[in-house]
Amino acid sequence: MSDLKKQFEKAAKDIMSLADRPDNDTMLRLYGLYKQGSEGDVKGPKPGFFDFVGTAKYEAWEKMAGTDSEQAMKKYVDLVKKLVG
């Protein structure tokens, strides 16, 4: 396993231990970066209009389309480091 992949997985665990939950925009950015880093470009149909949370998550991931998975992992790790301190 690459060093970046290890950092990415550690960051995913570290973010769960935050005392305070980040704001919604930050949470969506984290979600989009995580999904892009772990799965690549967004897949599947966009959730229905009334699924507000699902739609927001889908759109956050969709914004990352075309971003290299390693680049997304690096951005995710950097953002988590800033939040964790």
Protein backbone atom coordinates (compact mmCIF):
# COMPACT_ATOMS: atom_id res chain seq x y z
CA MET A 1 0.00 0.00 0.00
CA SER A 2 1.32 3.42 -0.92
CA ASP A 3 2.25 6.01 1.69
CA LEU A 4 -0.44 8.35 0.31
CA LYS A 5 -3.10 5.63 0.64
CA LYS A 6 -2.05 5.08 4.28
CA GLN A 7 -2.26 8.83 4.99
CA PHE A 8 -5.66 8.94 3.29
CA GLU A 9 -7.02 6.10 5.42
CA LYS A 10 -5.57 7.64 8.60
CA ALA A 11 -7.16 11.00 7.73
CA ALA A 12 -10.53 9.27 7.26
CA LYS A 13 -10.20 7.89 10.81
CA ASP A 14 -8.85 11.16 12.26
CA ILE A 15 -11.80 13.19 10.97
CA MET A 16 -14.15 11.01 13.02
CA SER A 17 -12.42 12.07 16.24
CA LEU A 18 -13.01 15.81 15.89
CA ALA A 19 -14.57 17.40 18.96
CA ASP A 20 -16.67 19.77 16.85
CA ARG A 21 -18.36 18.91 13.56
CA PRO A 22 -17.17 21.11 10.67
CA ASP A 23 -19.69 23.33 8.85
CA ASN A 24 -21.79 21.82 6.05
CA ASP A 25 -19.66 23.26 3.23
CA THR A 26 -16.53 21.71 4.73
CA MET A 27 -18.32 18.40 5.28
CA LEU A 28 -19.44 18.35 1.64
CA ARG A 29 -15.92 19.19 0.46
CA LEU A 30 -14.55 16.34 2.58
CA TYR A 31 -17.19 13.99 1.17
CA GLY A 32 -16.44 14.95 -2.43
CA LEU A 33 -12.69 14.60 -1.98
CA TYR A 34 -13.06 11.29 -0.16
CA LYS A 35 -15.33 9.79 -2.81
CA GLN A 36 -13.14 11.08 -5.66
CA GLY A 37 -10.01 9.74 -3.96
CA SER A 38 -11.50 6.34 -3.20
CA GLU A 39 -13.82 5.72 -6.18
CA GLY A 40 -12.95 8.21 -8.94
CA ASP A 41 -15.54 10.20 -10.89
CA VAL A 42 -19.15 10.21 -9.73
CA LYS A 43 -21.25 7.22 -10.78
CA GLY A 44 -24.95 6.46 -10.90
CA PRO A 45 -28.00 8.65 -11.23
CA LYS A 46 -28.41 11.86 -9.27
CA PRO A 47 -30.75 11.41 -6.28
CA GLY A 48 -34.31 12.69 -6.53
CA PHE A 49 -35.22 16.33 -6.02
CA PHE A 50 -36.55 15.79 -2.49
CA ASP A 51 -33.45 13.92 -1.32
CA PHE A 52 -31.68 17.12 -0.29
CA VAL A 53 -28.78 15.47 1.54
CA GLY A 54 -28.21 12.89 -1.19
CA THR A 55 -28.33 15.58 -3.87
CA ALA A 56 -25.87 17.80 -1.98
CA LYS A 57 -23.45 14.89 -1.56
CA TYR A 58 -23.81 13.88 -5.22
CA GLU A 59 -23.12 17.46 -6.35
CA ALA A 60 -20.10 17.78 -4.04
CA TRP A 61 -18.65 14.61 -5.57
CA GLU A 62 -19.64 15.71 -9.08
CA LYS A 63 -17.62 18.94 -8.64
CA MET A 64 -14.50 16.78 -8.27
CA ALA A 65 -15.03 15.07 -11.66
CA GLY A 66 -11.81 14.85 -13.63
CA THR A 67 -9.63 15.26 -10.54
CA ASP A 68 -6.94 12.58 -10.34
CA SER A 69 -7.63 10.25 -7.42
CA GLU A 70 -4.14 10.82 -5.97
CA GLN A 71 -4.64 14.59 -6.13
CA ALA A 72 -8.03 14.22 -4.40
CA MET A 73 -6.41 12.06 -1.69
CA LYS A 74 -3.71 14.69 -1.11
CA LYS A 75 -6.29 17.48 -0.84
CA TYR A 76 -8.38 15.38 1.55
CA VAL A 77 -5.38 14.63 3.78
CA ASP A 78 -4.37 18.32 3.80
CA LEU A 79 -7.90 19.47 4.69
CA VAL A 80 -8.19 16.93 7.50
CA LYS A 81 -4.79 18.02 8.88
CA LYS A 82 -6.04 21.64 9.01
CA LEU A 83 -9.23 20.61 10.78
CA VAL A 84 -7.59 18.27 13.27
CA GLY A 85 -4.81 20.73 13.97
